[in-house]
C-alpha cells in the first residue's frame, strides 16, 4: 500500500487493543536514509502535549487508521512518551 503525507496526517492512532491514542499531526524524517523515525500523535486538536511514537512501535498503517503495539500504551502510562511542547 502507498499512502501520501496528506492522507497520513490526521489518521487516528489506536493500540492493538483498540485504545485510541489520538491523531498523527506530524512526523520526523531521517533525511539521510529517507526513513520515518517518529510519528507525533496529539490526543486532540487543542492539546499542547503529544506522544512520540517510534516507527518500530507501529504495527500497521491502514487506509483509515494507524495501529501501534500495546506496549506504547504501557510506556505512556509510565510517563516515558508523554511530552510537552
C-alpha atoms as a PDB file:
ATOM      1  CA  UNK A   1       0.000   0.000   0.000  1.00  0.00           C
ATOM      2  CA  UNK A   2       1.162   3.505  -0.782  1.00  0.00           C
ATOM      3  CA  UNK A   3      -0.055   6.465   1.253  1.00  0.00           C
ATOM      4  CA  UNK A   4       0.789  10.115   0.765  1.00  0.00           C
ATOM      5  CA  UNK A   5       1.571  12.564   3.546  1.00  0.00           C
ATOM      6  CA  UNK A   6      -1.758  14.349   3.219  1.00  0.00           C
ATOM      7  CA  UNK A   7      -3.580  11.057   3.857  1.00  0.00           C
ATOM      8  CA  UNK A   8      -1.239  10.028   6.686  1.00  0.00           C
ATOM      9  CA  UNK A   9      -1.597  13.252   8.641  1.00  0.00           C
ATOM     10  CA  UNK A  10      -4.660  13.256  10.858  1.00  0.00           C
ATOM     11  CA  UNK A  11      -5.113   9.472  10.751  1.00  0.00           C
ATOM     12  CA  UNK A  12      -6.327   8.191  14.114  1.00  0.00           C
ATOM     13  CA  UNK A  13      -3.849   6.091  16.097  1.00  0.00           C
ATOM     14  CA  UNK A  14      -5.074   3.032  18.007  1.00  0.00           C
ATOM     15  CA  UNK A  15      -3.337   0.348  20.030  1.00  0.00           C
ATOM     16  CA  UNK A  16      -3.793  -3.333  19.194  1.00  0.00           C
ATOM     17  CA  UNK A  17      -6.448  -3.481  21.918  1.00  0.00           C
ATOM     18  CA  UNK A  18      -8.439  -0.616  20.311  1.00  0.00           C
ATOM     19  CA  UNK A  19      -7.433   2.199  22.701  1.00  0.00           C
ATOM     20  CA  UNK A  20      -7.421   5.484  20.782  1.00  0.00           C
ATOM     21  CA  UNK A  21      -4.241   7.487  21.427  1.00  0.00           C
ATOM     22  CA  UNK A  22      -5.029  10.431  19.171  1.00  0.00           C
ATOM     23  CA  UNK A  23      -4.220  11.530  15.631  1.00  0.00           C
ATOM     24  CA  UNK A  24      -0.964  11.944  13.741  1.00  0.00           C
ATOM     25  CA  UNK A  25      -0.168  15.624  13.352  1.00  0.00           C
ATOM     26  CA  UNK A  26       3.485  15.487  12.300  1.00  0.00           C
ATOM     27  CA  UNK A  27       6.406  13.151  11.752  1.00  0.00           C
ATOM     28  CA  UNK A  28      10.194  13.176  11.974  1.00  0.00           C
ATOM     29  CA  UNK A  29      12.148  12.014   8.947  1.00  0.00           C
ATOM     30  CA  UNK A  30      15.803  10.966   8.732  1.00  0.00           C
ATOM     31  CA  UNK A  31      16.854  12.733   5.539  1.00  0.00           C
ATOM     32  CA  UNK A  32      19.958  10.574   5.100  1.00  0.00           C
ATOM     33  CA  UNK A  33      18.029   7.310   4.960  1.00  0.00           C
ATOM     34  CA  UNK A  34      14.672   8.817   3.914  1.00  0.00           C
ATOM     35  CA  UNK A  35      13.074   6.893   6.788  1.00  0.00           C
ATOM     36  CA  UNK A  36      10.298   7.950   9.138  1.00  0.00           C
ATOM     37  CA  UNK A  37      11.827   7.922  12.620  1.00  0.00           C
ATOM     38  CA  UNK A  38       8.862   9.001  14.777  1.00  0.00           C
ATOM     39  CA  UNK A  39       5.217   9.938  14.460  1.00  0.00           C
ATOM     40  CA  UNK A  40       3.881  12.785  16.588  1.00  0.00           C
ATOM     41  CA  UNK A  41       0.430  11.980  17.962  1.00  0.00           C
ATOM     42  CA  UNK A  42      -1.848  14.511  19.623  1.00  0.00           C
ATOM     43  CA  UNK A  43      -4.890  13.495  21.691  1.00  0.00           C
ATOM     44  CA  UNK A  44      -6.986  16.392  20.455  1.00  0.00           C
ATOM     45  CA  UNK A  45      -6.627  19.486  18.322  1.00  0.00           C
ATOM     46  CA  UNK A  46      -6.187  21.886  21.242  1.00  0.00           C
ATOM     47  CA  UNK A  47      -3.828  19.728  23.301  1.00  0.00           C
ATOM     48  CA  UNK A  48      -0.297  21.027  23.813  1.00  0.00           C
ATOM     49  CA  UNK A  49       1.005  17.620  24.865  1.00  0.00           C
ATOM     50  CA  UNK A  50       1.775  14.880  22.401  1.00  0.00           C
ATOM     51  CA  UNK A  51       3.241  11.409  22.096  1.00  0.00           C
ATOM     52  CA  UNK A  52       6.320  10.430  20.136  1.00  0.00           C
ATOM     53  CA  UNK A  53       5.743   7.026  18.589  1.00  0.00           C
ATOM     54  CA  UNK A  54       8.823   5.390  17.064  1.00  0.00           C
ATOM     55  CA  UNK A  55       8.307   3.780  13.679  1.00  0.00           C
ATOM     56  CA  UNK A  56       9.309   0.420  15.222  1.00  0.00           C
ATOM     57  CA  UNK A  57       6.258   0.707  17.514  1.00  0.00           C
ATOM     58  CA  UNK A  58       3.869   0.858  14.558  1.00  0.00           C
ATOM     59  CA  UNK A  59       2.284  -2.499  13.811  1.00  0.00           C
ATOM     60  CA  UNK A  60       0.486  -1.417  10.647  1.00  0.00           C
ATOM     61  CA  UNK A  61      -0.810   1.544   8.716  1.00  0.00           C
ATOM     62  CA  UNK A  62      -4.245   1.110   7.185  1.00  0.00           C
ATOM     63  CA  UNK A  63      -6.240   3.454   4.985  1.00  0.00           C
ATOM     64  CA  UNK A  64      -8.340   4.557   7.972  1.00  0.00           C
ATOM     65  CA  UNK A  65      -6.001   4.219  10.985  1.00  0.00           C
ATOM     66  CA  UNK A  66      -2.533   3.547  12.352  1.00  0.00           C
ATOM     67  CA  UNK A  67      -2.219   0.594  14.735  1.00  0.00           C
ATOM     68  CA  UNK A  68       0.580   0.549  17.310  1.00  0.00           C
ATOM     69  CA  UNK A  69       1.662  -2.191  19.681  1.00  0.00           C
ATOM     70  CA  UNK A  70       0.029  -2.227  23.119  1.00  0.00           C
ATOM     71  CA  UNK A  71       3.459  -1.560  24.662  1.00  0.00           C
ATOM     72  CA  UNK A  72       3.079   2.077  23.552  1.00  0.00           C
ATOM     73  CA  UNK A  73       0.159   2.456  25.954  1.00  0.00           C
ATOM     74  CA  UNK A  74       2.202   0.956  28.809  1.00  0.00           C
ATOM     75  CA  UNK A  75       5.103   3.325  28.102  1.00  0.00           C
ATOM     76  CA  UNK A  76       2.702   6.279  28.036  1.00  0.00           C
ATOM     77  CA  UNK A  77       1.308   5.283  31.432  1.00  0.00           C
ATOM     78  CA  UNK A  78       4.856   5.217  32.771  1.00  0.00           C
ATOM     79  CA  UNK A  79       5.382   8.762  31.571  1.00  0.00           C
ATOM     80  CA  UNK A  80       8.085   7.877  29.074  1.00  0.00           C
ATOM     81  CA  UNK A  81       6.309   9.050  25.926  1.00  0.00           C
ATOM     82  CA  UNK A  82       4.229  11.997  27.064  1.00  0.00           C
ATOM     83  CA  UNK A  83       5.953  15.246  26.140  1.00  0.00           C
ATOM     84  CA  UNK A  84       5.011  18.884  26.430  1.00  0.00           C
ATOM     85  CA  UNK A  85       5.643  21.473  23.750  1.00  0.00           C
END
